[in-house]
PDB file of N, CA and C in Angstrom:
ATOM      1  N   UNK A   1       2.988  19.613 -25.858  1.00  0.00           N
ATOM      2  CA  UNK A   1       2.510  19.008 -24.909  1.00  0.00           C
ATOM      3  C   UNK A   1       1.836  17.860 -25.660  1.00  0.00           C
ATOM      4  N   UNK A   2       1.301  18.271 -26.733  1.00  0.00           N
ATOM      5  CA  UNK A   2       0.512  17.103 -27.541  1.00  0.00           C
ATOM      6  C   UNK A   2       1.480  16.014 -27.808  1.00  0.00           C
ATOM      7  N   UNK A   3       2.669  16.328 -28.176  1.00  0.00           N
ATOM      8  CA  UNK A   3       3.732  15.417 -28.707  1.00  0.00           C
ATOM      9  C   UNK A   3       4.116  14.540 -27.376  1.00  0.00           C
ATOM     10  N   UNK A   4       4.183  15.060 -26.307  1.00  0.00           N
ATOM     11  CA  UNK A   4       4.681  14.354 -24.928  1.00  0.00           C
ATOM     12  C   UNK A   4       3.433  13.428 -24.517  1.00  0.00           C
ATOM     13  N   UNK A   5       2.252  13.854 -25.054  1.00  0.00           N
ATOM     14  CA  UNK A   5       1.152  12.751 -24.486  1.00  0.00           C
ATOM     15  C   UNK A   5       1.228  11.781 -25.729  1.00  0.00           C
ATOM     16  N   UNK A   6       1.338  12.008 -26.873  1.00  0.00           N
ATOM     17  CA  UNK A   6       1.288  11.140 -27.958  1.00  0.00           C
ATOM     18  C   UNK A   6       2.403  10.110 -27.826  1.00  0.00           C
ATOM     19  N   UNK A   7       3.874  10.605 -27.460  1.00  0.00           N
ATOM     20  CA  UNK A   7       4.760   9.873 -26.993  1.00  0.00           C
ATOM     21  C   UNK A   7       4.617   9.098 -26.059  1.00  0.00           C
ATOM     22  N   UNK A   8       3.996   9.398 -25.034  1.00  0.00           N
ATOM     23  CA  UNK A   8       3.611   8.476 -23.814  1.00  0.00           C
ATOM     24  C   UNK A   8       2.658   7.296 -24.259  1.00  0.00           C
ATOM     25  N   UNK A   9       1.655   7.633 -24.899  1.00  0.00           N
ATOM     26  CA  UNK A   9       0.773   6.738 -25.372  1.00  0.00           C
ATOM     27  C   UNK A   9       1.295   5.686 -26.018  1.00  0.00           C
ATOM     28  N   UNK A  10       2.248   6.196 -27.224  1.00  0.00           N
ATOM     29  CA  UNK A  10       3.139   5.120 -27.935  1.00  0.00           C
ATOM     30  C   UNK A  10       3.774   4.258 -27.225  1.00  0.00           C
ATOM     31  N   UNK A  11       4.539   4.834 -26.158  1.00  0.00           N
ATOM     32  CA  UNK A  11       5.239   3.763 -25.054  1.00  0.00           C
ATOM     33  C   UNK A  11       4.214   2.905 -24.441  1.00  0.00           C
ATOM     34  N   UNK A  12       3.182   3.176 -24.007  1.00  0.00           N
ATOM     35  CA  UNK A  12       1.923   2.402 -23.179  1.00  0.00           C
ATOM     36  C   UNK A  12       1.721   1.198 -24.211  1.00  0.00           C
ATOM     37  N   UNK A  13       1.396   1.735 -25.522  1.00  0.00           N
ATOM     38  CA  UNK A  13       1.416   0.593 -26.567  1.00  0.00           C
ATOM     39  C   UNK A  13       2.215  -0.183 -27.209  1.00  0.00           C
ATOM     40  N   UNK A  14       3.391   0.156 -26.591  1.00  0.00           N
ATOM     41  CA  UNK A  14       4.519  -0.876 -26.981  1.00  0.00           C
ATOM     42  C   UNK A  14       4.807  -1.783 -25.805  1.00  0.00           C
ATOM     43  N   UNK A  15       4.553  -1.285 -24.757  1.00  0.00           N
ATOM     44  CA  UNK A  15       4.509  -2.202 -23.295  1.00  0.00           C
ATOM     45  C   UNK A  15       3.637  -3.156 -23.432  1.00  0.00           C
ATOM     46  N   UNK A  16       2.254  -2.848 -23.946  1.00  0.00           N
ATOM     47  CA  UNK A  16       0.913  -3.600 -23.839  1.00  0.00           C
ATOM     48  C   UNK A  16       1.697  -4.826 -24.910  1.00  0.00           C
ATOM     49  N   UNK A  17       2.010  -4.184 -26.027  1.00  0.00           N
ATOM     50  CA  UNK A  17       2.298  -5.223 -27.244  1.00  0.00           C
ATOM     51  C   UNK A  17       3.417  -6.344 -26.589  1.00  0.00           C
ATOM     52  N   UNK A  18       4.426  -5.659 -25.987  1.00  0.00           N
ATOM     53  CA  UNK A  18       5.418  -6.802 -25.579  1.00  0.00           C
ATOM     54  C   UNK A  18       4.797  -7.702 -24.388  1.00  0.00           C
ATOM     55  N   UNK A  19       4.216  -7.351 -23.648  1.00  0.00           N
ATOM     56  CA  UNK A  19       3.447  -8.099 -22.536  1.00  0.00           C
ATOM     57  C   UNK A  19       2.509  -9.151 -23.493  1.00  0.00           C
ATOM     58  N   UNK A  20       1.680  -8.826 -24.171  1.00  0.00           N
ATOM     59  CA  UNK A  20       1.052  -9.708 -24.950  1.00  0.00           C
ATOM     60  C   UNK A  20       1.717 -10.733 -25.851  1.00  0.00           C
ATOM     61  N   UNK A  21       2.808 -10.238 -26.402  1.00  0.00           N
ATOM     62  CA  UNK A  21       3.930 -11.211 -27.129  1.00  0.00           C
ATOM     63  C   UNK A  21       4.601 -12.171 -26.070  1.00  0.00           C
ATOM     64  N   UNK A  22       4.757 -11.934 -24.810  1.00  0.00           N
ATOM     65  CA  UNK A  22       5.729 -12.552 -23.929  1.00  0.00           C
ATOM     66  C   UNK A  22       4.759 -13.367 -22.920  1.00  0.00           C
ATOM     67  N   UNK A  23       4.142 -12.698 -21.956  1.00  0.00           N
ATOM     68  CA  UNK A  23       3.402 -13.142 -21.000  1.00  0.00           C
ATOM     69  C   UNK A  23       2.268 -13.997 -21.314  1.00  0.00           C
ATOM     70  N   UNK A  24       1.454 -13.674 -22.191  1.00  0.00           N
ATOM     71  CA  UNK A  24       0.145 -14.357 -22.681  1.00  0.00           C
ATOM     72  C   UNK A  24       0.529 -15.846 -23.153  1.00  0.00           C
ATOM     73  N   UNK A  25       1.532 -16.074 -24.212  1.00  0.00           N
ATOM     74  CA  UNK A  25       1.834 -17.305 -24.497  1.00  0.00           C
ATOM     75  C   UNK A  25       2.446 -18.157 -23.235  1.00  0.00           C
ATOM     76  N   UNK A  26       3.135 -17.631 -22.576  1.00  0.00           N
ATOM     77  CA  UNK A  26       3.886 -18.074 -21.371  1.00  0.00           C
ATOM     78  C   UNK A  26       3.052 -18.663 -20.407  1.00  0.00           C
ATOM     79  N   UNK A  27       2.183 -17.893 -20.293  1.00  0.00           N
ATOM     80  CA  UNK A  27       0.790 -18.395 -19.409  1.00  0.00           C
ATOM     81  C   UNK A  27       0.072 -19.412 -19.973  1.00  0.00           C
ATOM     82  N   UNK A  28      -0.353 -19.531 -21.029  1.00  0.00           N
ATOM     83  CA  UNK A  28      -0.875 -20.647 -21.742  1.00  0.00           C
ATOM     84  C   UNK A  28      -0.179 -21.911 -21.805  1.00  0.00           C
ATOM     85  N   UNK A  29       1.263 -21.715 -21.702  1.00  0.00           N
ATOM     86  CA  UNK A  29       2.076 -22.813 -21.616  1.00  0.00           C
ATOM     87  C   UNK A  29       2.292 -23.507 -20.361  1.00  0.00           C
ATOM     88  N   UNK A  30       1.772 -22.832 -19.272  1.00  0.00           N
ATOM     89  CA  UNK A  30       1.644 -23.351 -17.871  1.00  0.00           C
ATOM     90  C   UNK A  30       2.926 -22.544 -17.261  1.00  0.00           C
ATOM     91  N   UNK A  31       3.429 -21.795 -17.843  1.00  0.00           N
ATOM     92  CA  UNK A  31       4.880 -21.312 -17.083  1.00  0.00           C
ATOM     93  C   UNK A  31       4.436 -20.047 -16.413  1.00  0.00           C
ATOM     94  N   UNK A  32       4.817 -19.774 -15.192  1.00  0.00           N
ATOM     95  CA  UNK A  32       4.665 -18.687 -14.494  1.00  0.00           C
ATOM     96  C   UNK A  32       5.226 -17.338 -14.969  1.00  0.00           C
ATOM     97  N   UNK A  33       4.456 -16.346 -14.657  1.00  0.00           N
ATOM     98  CA  UNK A  33       4.871 -14.931 -15.266  1.00  0.00           C
ATOM     99  C   UNK A  33       5.925 -14.234 -14.294  1.00  0.00           C
ATOM    100  N   UNK A  34       6.152 -14.594 -13.098  1.00  0.00           N
ATOM    101  CA  UNK A  34       6.789 -13.941 -12.138  1.00  0.00           C
ATOM    102  C   UNK A  34       7.757 -15.122 -11.760  1.00  0.00           C
ATOM    103  N   UNK A  35       9.029 -14.841 -11.313  1.00  0.00           N
ATOM    104  CA  UNK A  35      10.108 -15.664 -10.582  1.00  0.00           C
ATOM    105  C   UNK A  35       9.695 -16.068  -9.209  1.00  0.00           C
ATOM    106  N   UNK A  36      10.345 -17.155  -8.772  1.00  0.00           N
ATOM    107  CA  UNK A  36       9.751 -17.440  -7.162  1.00  0.00           C
ATOM    108  C   UNK A  36      10.068 -16.123  -6.344  1.00  0.00           C
ATOM    109  N   UNK A  37      10.999 -15.180  -6.557  1.00  0.00           N
ATOM    110  CA  UNK A  37      11.257 -14.074  -5.741  1.00  0.00           C
ATOM    111  C   UNK A  37      10.157 -13.193  -6.025  1.00  0.00           C
ATOM    112  N   UNK A  38       9.643 -12.990  -7.154  1.00  0.00           N
ATOM    113  CA  UNK A  38       8.413 -12.072  -7.515  1.00  0.00           C
ATOM    114  C   UNK A  38       7.080 -12.637  -6.868  1.00  0.00           C
ATOM    115  N   UNK A  39       6.938 -14.080  -6.742  1.00  0.00           N
ATOM    116  CA  UNK A  39       5.753 -14.432  -6.229  1.00  0.00           C
ATOM    117  C   UNK A  39       5.719 -14.402  -4.657  1.00  0.00           C
ATOM    118  N   UNK A  40       7.371 -14.361  -4.029  1.00  0.00           N
ATOM    119  CA  UNK A  40       6.999 -13.933  -2.660  1.00  0.00           C
ATOM    120  C   UNK A  40       6.794 -12.485  -2.248  1.00  0.00           C
ATOM    121  N   UNK A  41       7.222 -11.838  -3.496  1.00  0.00           N
ATOM    122  CA  UNK A  41       6.932 -10.290  -3.005  1.00  0.00           C
ATOM    123  C   UNK A  41       5.744  -9.873  -3.248  1.00  0.00           C
ATOM    124  N   UNK A  42       4.804 -10.629  -4.072  1.00  0.00           N
ATOM    125  CA  UNK A  42       3.364 -10.316  -4.377  1.00  0.00           C
ATOM    126  C   UNK A  42       2.470 -11.019  -3.055  1.00  0.00           C
ATOM    127  N   UNK A  43       3.167 -12.037  -2.383  1.00  0.00           N
ATOM    128  CA  UNK A  43       2.440 -12.619  -1.184  1.00  0.00           C
ATOM    129  C   UNK A  43       2.860 -11.627  -0.316  1.00  0.00           C
ATOM    130  N   UNK A  44       3.729 -11.268  -0.100  1.00  0.00           N
ATOM    131  CA  UNK A  44       4.073 -10.230   1.007  1.00  0.00           C
ATOM    132  C   UNK A  44       3.087  -8.840   1.132  1.00  0.00           C
ATOM    133  N   UNK A  45       3.031  -8.408  -0.384  1.00  0.00           N
ATOM    134  CA  UNK A  45       2.239  -7.177  -0.501  1.00  0.00           C
ATOM    135  C   UNK A  45       0.991  -7.801   0.035  1.00  0.00           C
ATOM    136  N   UNK A  46       0.240  -8.766  -0.507  1.00  0.00           N
ATOM    137  CA  UNK A  46      -1.019  -9.085  -0.193  1.00  0.00           C
ATOM    138  C   UNK A  46      -1.328  -9.143   1.193  1.00  0.00           C
ATOM    139  N   UNK A  47      -0.280  -9.744   2.037  1.00  0.00           N
ATOM    140  CA  UNK A  47      -0.449  -9.819   3.590  1.00  0.00           C
ATOM    141  C   UNK A  47      -0.354  -8.633   4.013  1.00  0.00           C
ATOM    142  N   UNK A  48       0.436  -7.617   3.664  1.00  0.00           N
ATOM    143  CA  UNK A  48       0.336  -6.241   4.206  1.00  0.00           C
ATOM    144  C   UNK A  48      -0.761  -5.403   4.015  1.00  0.00           C
ATOM    145  N   UNK A  49      -1.381  -5.844   2.594  1.00  0.00           N
ATOM    146  CA  UNK A  49      -2.654  -5.079   2.487  1.00  0.00           C
ATOM    147  C   UNK A  49      -3.753  -5.458   3.399  1.00  0.00           C
ATOM    148  N   UNK A  50      -3.701  -6.896   3.575  1.00  0.00           N
ATOM    149  CA  UNK A  50      -4.717  -7.551   4.706  1.00  0.00           C
ATOM    150  C   UNK A  50      -4.544  -6.822   6.038  1.00  0.00           C
ATOM    151  N   UNK A  51      -3.548  -6.771   6.301  1.00  0.00           N
ATOM    152  CA  UNK A  51      -3.091  -6.266   7.936  1.00  0.00           C
ATOM    153  C   UNK A  51      -3.278  -4.692   7.841  1.00  0.00           C
ATOM    154  N   UNK A  52      -3.185  -4.153   6.827  1.00  0.00           N
ATOM    155  CA  UNK A  52      -3.516  -2.729   6.810  1.00  0.00           C
ATOM    156  C   UNK A  52      -5.303  -2.230   6.939  1.00  0.00           C
ATOM    157  N   UNK A  53      -5.970  -3.248   6.258  1.00  0.00           N
ATOM    158  CA  UNK A  53      -7.345  -3.149   6.374  1.00  0.00           C
ATOM    159  C   UNK A  53      -7.718  -3.508   7.555  1.00  0.00           C
ATOM    160  N   UNK A  54      -7.135  -4.557   8.086  1.00  0.00           N
ATOM    161  CA  UNK A  54      -7.640  -4.941   9.477  1.00  0.00           C
ATOM    162  C   UNK A  54      -7.380  -3.885  10.377  1.00  0.00           C
ATOM    163  N   UNK A  55      -6.241  -3.258  10.177  1.00  0.00           N
ATOM    164  CA  UNK A  55      -5.834  -2.201  11.333  1.00  0.00           C
ATOM    165  C   UNK A  55      -7.024  -0.950  10.990  1.00  0.00           C
ATOM    166  N   UNK A  56      -7.096  -0.461   9.919  1.00  0.00           N
ATOM    167  CA  UNK A  56      -8.109   0.245   9.349  1.00  0.00           C
ATOM    168  C   UNK A  56      -9.633   0.105  10.068  1.00  0.00           C
ATOM    169  N   UNK A  57     -10.070  -0.921   9.785  1.00  0.00           N
ATOM    170  CA  UNK A  57     -11.187  -1.502  10.523  1.00  0.00           C
ATOM    171  C   UNK A  57     -11.451  -1.527  12.027  1.00  0.00           C
ATOM    172  N   UNK A  58     -10.261  -1.842  12.520  1.00  0.00           N
ATOM    173  CA  UNK A  58     -10.061  -1.962  13.949  1.00  0.00           C
ATOM    174  C   UNK A  58     -10.295  -0.529  14.520  1.00  0.00           C
ATOM    175  N   UNK A  59      -9.642   0.564  13.879  1.00  0.00           N
ATOM    176  CA  UNK A  59      -9.361   2.056  14.259  1.00  0.00           C
ATOM    177  C   UNK A  59     -11.073   2.655  14.132  1.00  0.00           C
ATOM    178  N   UNK A  60     -11.560   2.257  12.913  1.00  0.00           N
ATOM    179  CA  UNK A  60     -12.751   2.997  12.662  1.00  0.00           C
ATOM    180  C   UNK A  60     -13.842   2.325  13.826  1.00  0.00           C
ATOM    181  N   UNK A  61     -13.664   1.131  14.286  1.00  0.00           N
ATOM    182  CA  UNK A  61     -14.715   0.760  15.398  1.00  0.00           C
ATOM    183  C   UNK A  61     -14.142   1.162  16.609  1.00  0.00           C
ATOM    184  N   UNK A  62     -12.843   1.459  16.848  1.00  0.00           N
ATOM    185  CA  UNK A  62     -12.566   2.193  18.271  1.00  0.00           C
ATOM    186  C   UNK A  62     -12.908   3.594  18.290  1.00  0.00           C
ATOM    187  N   UNK A  63     -13.545   4.289  17.397  1.00  0.00           N
ATOM    188  CA  UNK A  63     -13.600   5.706  17.321  1.00  0.00           C
ATOM    189  C   UNK A  63     -14.776   6.081  18.341  1.00  0.00           C
ATOM    190  N   UNK A  64     -14.548   7.189  18.965  1.00  0.00           N
ATOM    191  CA  UNK A  64     -15.652   7.427  20.068  1.00  0.00           C
ATOM    192  C   UNK A  64     -16.749   7.785  19.224  1.00  0.00           C
ATOM    193  N   UNK A  65     -18.007   7.839  19.713  1.00  0.00           N
ATOM    194  CA  UNK A  65     -19.108   8.284  19.099  1.00  0.00           C
ATOM    195  C   UNK A  65     -19.207   9.707  18.893  1.00  0.00           C
ATOM    196  N   UNK A  66     -18.748  10.395  19.831  1.00  0.00           N
ATOM    197  CA  UNK A  66     -18.619  12.041  19.627  1.00  0.00           C
ATOM    198  C   UNK A  66     -17.185  12.262  18.830  1.00  0.00           C
ATOM    199  N   UNK A  67     -17.308  12.519  17.720  1.00  0.00           N
ATOM    200  CA  UNK A  67     -16.090  12.450  16.673  1.00  0.00           C
ATOM    201  C   UNK A  67     -15.151  13.888  17.086  1.00  0.00           C
ATOM    202  N   UNK A  68     -15.913  14.921  17.352  1.00  0.00           N
ATOM    203  CA  UNK A  68     -15.298  16.020  17.657  1.00  0.00           C
ATOM    204  C   UNK A  68     -14.583  16.128  18.979  1.00  0.00           C
ATOM    205  N   UNK A  69     -15.246  15.574  20.162  1.00  0.00           N
ATOM    206  CA  UNK A  69     -14.688  15.522  21.366  1.00  0.00           C
ATOM    207  C   UNK A  69     -13.651  15.020  21.430  1.00  0.00           C
ATOM    208  N   UNK A  70     -12.477  15.438  22.571  1.00  0.00           N
ATOM    209  CA  UNK A  70     -11.241  14.727  22.755  1.00  0.00           C
ATOM    210  C   UNK A  70     -11.916  14.400  24.177  1.00  0.00           C
ATOM    211  N   UNK A  71     -11.057  12.946  24.869  1.00  0.00           N
ATOM    212  CA  UNK A  71     -11.149  12.812  26.143  1.00  0.00           C
ATOM    213  C   UNK A  71     -10.231  13.755  27.205  1.00  0.00           C
ATOM    214  N   UNK A  72     -10.600  13.650  28.089  1.00  0.00           N
ATOM    215  CA  UNK A  72      -9.843  14.158  29.227  1.00  0.00           C
ATOM    216  C   UNK A  72      -9.655  13.380  30.524  1.00  0.00           C
ATOM    217  N   UNK A  73      -8.462  13.642  30.993  1.00  0.00           N
ATOM    218  CA  UNK A  73      -7.978  12.694  32.159  1.00  0.00           C
ATOM    219  C   UNK A  73      -8.699  13.410  33.391  1.00  0.00           C
ATOM    220  N   UNK A  74      -8.275  12.766  34.662  1.00  0.00           N
ATOM    221  CA  UNK A  74      -8.946  13.102  35.897  1.00  0.00           C
ATOM    222  C   UNK A  74      -8.376  14.577  36.137  1.00  0.00           C
ATOM    223  N   UNK A  75      -7.106  14.814  35.731  1.00  0.00           N
ATOM    224  CA  UNK A  75      -6.863  16.085  36.152  1.00  0.00           C
ATOM    225  C   UNK A  75      -7.048  17.379  35.007  1.00  0.00           C
ATOM    226  N   UNK A  76      -7.842  17.199  34.043  1.00  0.00           N
ATOM    227  CA  UNK A  76      -8.319  17.920  33.197  1.00  0.00           C
ATOM    228  C   UNK A  76      -7.537  18.142  31.977  1.00  0.00           C
ATOM    229  N   UNK A  77      -6.444  17.347  31.860  1.00  0.00           N
ATOM    230  CA  UNK A  77      -5.722  17.608  30.973  1.00  0.00           C
ATOM    231  C   UNK A  77      -6.451  16.677  29.676  1.00  0.00           C
ATOM    232  N   UNK A  78      -6.146  17.103  28.444  1.00  0.00           N
ATOM    233  CA  UNK A  78      -6.464  16.383  27.020  1.00  0.00           C
ATOM    234  C   UNK A  78      -5.720  15.492  26.993  1.00  0.00           C
ATOM    235  N   UNK A  79      -6.374  14.257  26.596  1.00  0.00           N
ATOM    236  CA  UNK A  79      -5.679  12.904  26.136  1.00  0.00           C
ATOM    237  C   UNK A  79      -6.191  12.366  24.757  1.00  0.00           C
ATOM    238  N   UNK A  80      -5.097  12.123  24.055  1.00  0.00           N
ATOM    239  CA  UNK A  80      -5.394  11.517  22.840  1.00  0.00           C
ATOM    240  C   UNK A  80      -4.977  10.075  22.727  1.00  0.00           C
ATOM    241  N   UNK A  81      -5.928   9.162  22.700  1.00  0.00           N
ATOM    242  CA  UNK A  81      -5.814   8.052  22.698  1.00  0.00           C
ATOM    243  C   UNK A  81      -5.139   7.167  21.666  1.00  0.00           C
ATOM    244  N   UNK A  82      -4.830   7.925  20.593  1.00  0.00           N
ATOM    245  CA  UNK A  82      -4.164   7.455  19.398  1.00  0.00           C
ATOM    246  C   UNK A  82      -2.802   7.957  19.135  1.00  0.00           C
ATOM    247  N   UNK A  83      -2.132   8.312  20.474  1.00  0.00           N
ATOM    248  CA  UNK A  83      -0.747   8.967  20.572  1.00  0.00           C
ATOM    249  C   UNK A  83       0.129   8.271  20.685  1.00  0.00           C
ATOM    250  N   UNK A  84      -0.007   6.820  20.728  1.00  0.00           N
ATOM    251  CA  UNK A  84       0.856   5.821  21.120  1.00  0.00           C
ATOM    252  C   UNK A  84       1.818   5.742  19.822  1.00  0.00           C
ATOM    253  N   UNK A  85       3.116   5.005  20.179  1.00  0.00           N
ATOM    254  CA  UNK A  85       3.965   4.738  19.264  1.00  0.00           C
ATOM    255  C   UNK A  85       3.731   3.471  18.337  1.00  0.00           C
ATOM    256  N   UNK A  86       2.389   2.897  18.414  1.00  0.00           N
ATOM    257  CA  UNK A  86       2.351   1.906  17.615  1.00  0.00           C
ATOM    258  C   UNK A  86       1.617   2.048  16.396  1.00  0.00           C
ATOM    259  N   UNK A  87       1.107   3.183  15.911  1.00  0.00           N
ATOM    260  CA  UNK A  87       0.436   3.517  14.664  1.00  0.00           C
ATOM    261  C   UNK A  87       1.293   3.681  13.785  1.00  0.00           C
ATOM    262  N   UNK A  88       0.455   3.940  12.521  1.00  0.00           N
ATOM    263  CA  UNK A  88       1.139   3.815  11.182  1.00  0.00           C
ATOM    264  C   UNK A  88       2.056   4.666  11.036  1.00  0.00           C
ATOM    265  N   UNK A  89       1.910   6.042  11.723  1.00  0.00           N
ATOM    266  CA  UNK A  89       2.798   7.078  11.633  1.00  0.00           C
ATOM    267  C   UNK A  89       4.336   6.789  12.326  1.00  0.00           C
ATOM    268  N   UNK A  90       4.200   5.724  13.333  1.00  0.00           N
ATOM    269  CA  UNK A  90       5.487   5.490  13.957  1.00  0.00           C
ATOM    270  C   UNK A  90       6.289   4.503  13.198  1.00  0.00           C
ATOM    271  N   UNK A  91       5.536   4.069  12.000  1.00  0.00           N
ATOM    272  CA  UNK A  91       6.317   3.044  11.514  1.00  0.00           C
ATOM    273  C   UNK A  91       7.198   3.642  10.247  1.00  0.00           C
ATOM    274  N   UNK A  92       6.759   4.574   9.799  1.00  0.00           N
ATOM    275  CA  UNK A  92       7.556   5.356   8.870  1.00  0.00           C
ATOM    276  C   UNK A  92       8.331   6.413   9.365  1.00  0.00           C
ATOM    277  N   UNK A  93       9.536   6.314   9.760  1.00  0.00           N
ATOM    278  CA  UNK A  93      10.291   7.394  10.084  1.00  0.00           C
ATOM    279  C   UNK A  93      11.285   8.030   8.923  1.00  0.00           C
ATOM    280  N   UNK A  94      12.004   9.002   8.976  1.00  0.00           N
ATOM    281  CA  UNK A  94      12.749   9.426   7.827  1.00  0.00           C
ATOM    282  C   UNK A  94      14.047   8.713   7.907  1.00  0.00           C
ATOM    283  N   UNK A  95      14.585   7.843   9.166  1.00  0.00           N
ATOM    284  CA  UNK A  95      15.729   7.214   8.756  1.00  0.00           C
ATOM    285  C   UNK A  95      15.381   5.840   7.889  1.00  0.00           C
ATOM    286  N   UNK A  96      14.408   5.380   8.058  1.00  0.00           N
ATOM    287  CA  UNK A  96      13.989   4.179   7.040  1.00  0.00           C
ATOM    288  C   UNK A  96      13.022   4.287   5.823  1.00  0.00           C
ATOM    289  N   UNK A  97      13.048   5.706   5.604  1.00  0.00           N
ATOM    290  CA  UNK A  97      12.177   5.959   4.421  1.00  0.00           C
ATOM    291  C   UNK A  97      13.036   5.607   2.827  1.00  0.00           C
ATOM    292  N   UNK A  98      14.279   5.526   2.786  1.00  0.00           N
ATOM    293  CA  UNK A  98      14.782   5.227   1.683  1.00  0.00           C
ATOM    294  C   UNK A  98      15.358   3.774   1.707  1.00  0.00           C
ATOM    295  N   UNK A  99      15.154   2.908   2.758  1.00  0.00           N
ATOM    296  CA  UNK A  99      15.906   1.639   2.889  1.00  0.00           C
ATOM    297  C   UNK A  99      15.253   0.578   2.196  1.00  0.00           C
ATOM    298  N   UNK A 100      14.130   0.746   1.759  1.00  0.00           N
ATOM    299  CA  UNK A 100      13.239  -0.262   1.105  1.00  0.00           C
ATOM    300  C   UNK A 100      13.767  -0.625  -0.264  1.00  0.00           C
ATOM    301  N   UNK A 101      13.731  -1.907  -0.439  1.00  0.00           N
ATOM    302  CA  UNK A 101      14.304  -2.365  -1.693  1.00  0.00           C
ATOM    303  C   UNK A 101      13.493  -3.350  -2.411  1.00  0.00           C
TER     304      UNK A 101
END
């Protein structure tokens, strides 16, 4: 177990050395570290992060004051206002789980 941990630490140290030898001088010369495609991916990830935070904040604001109580309809049946198909659970289905590239 100790050998495994030491081996992993050596790999991390080598990776940091490669980054220090390649990325830092390139950055100082004014060259970008990422390719244009990589820059697009980073921008897309930042946009997804912002939209997720906005959804989370919006959901926190919409929660009812009584957190344990559920609303009921006029006929007495329980109603879940968050059961629509637009939430984050609807966005990830087993069909598209492995389709990301």
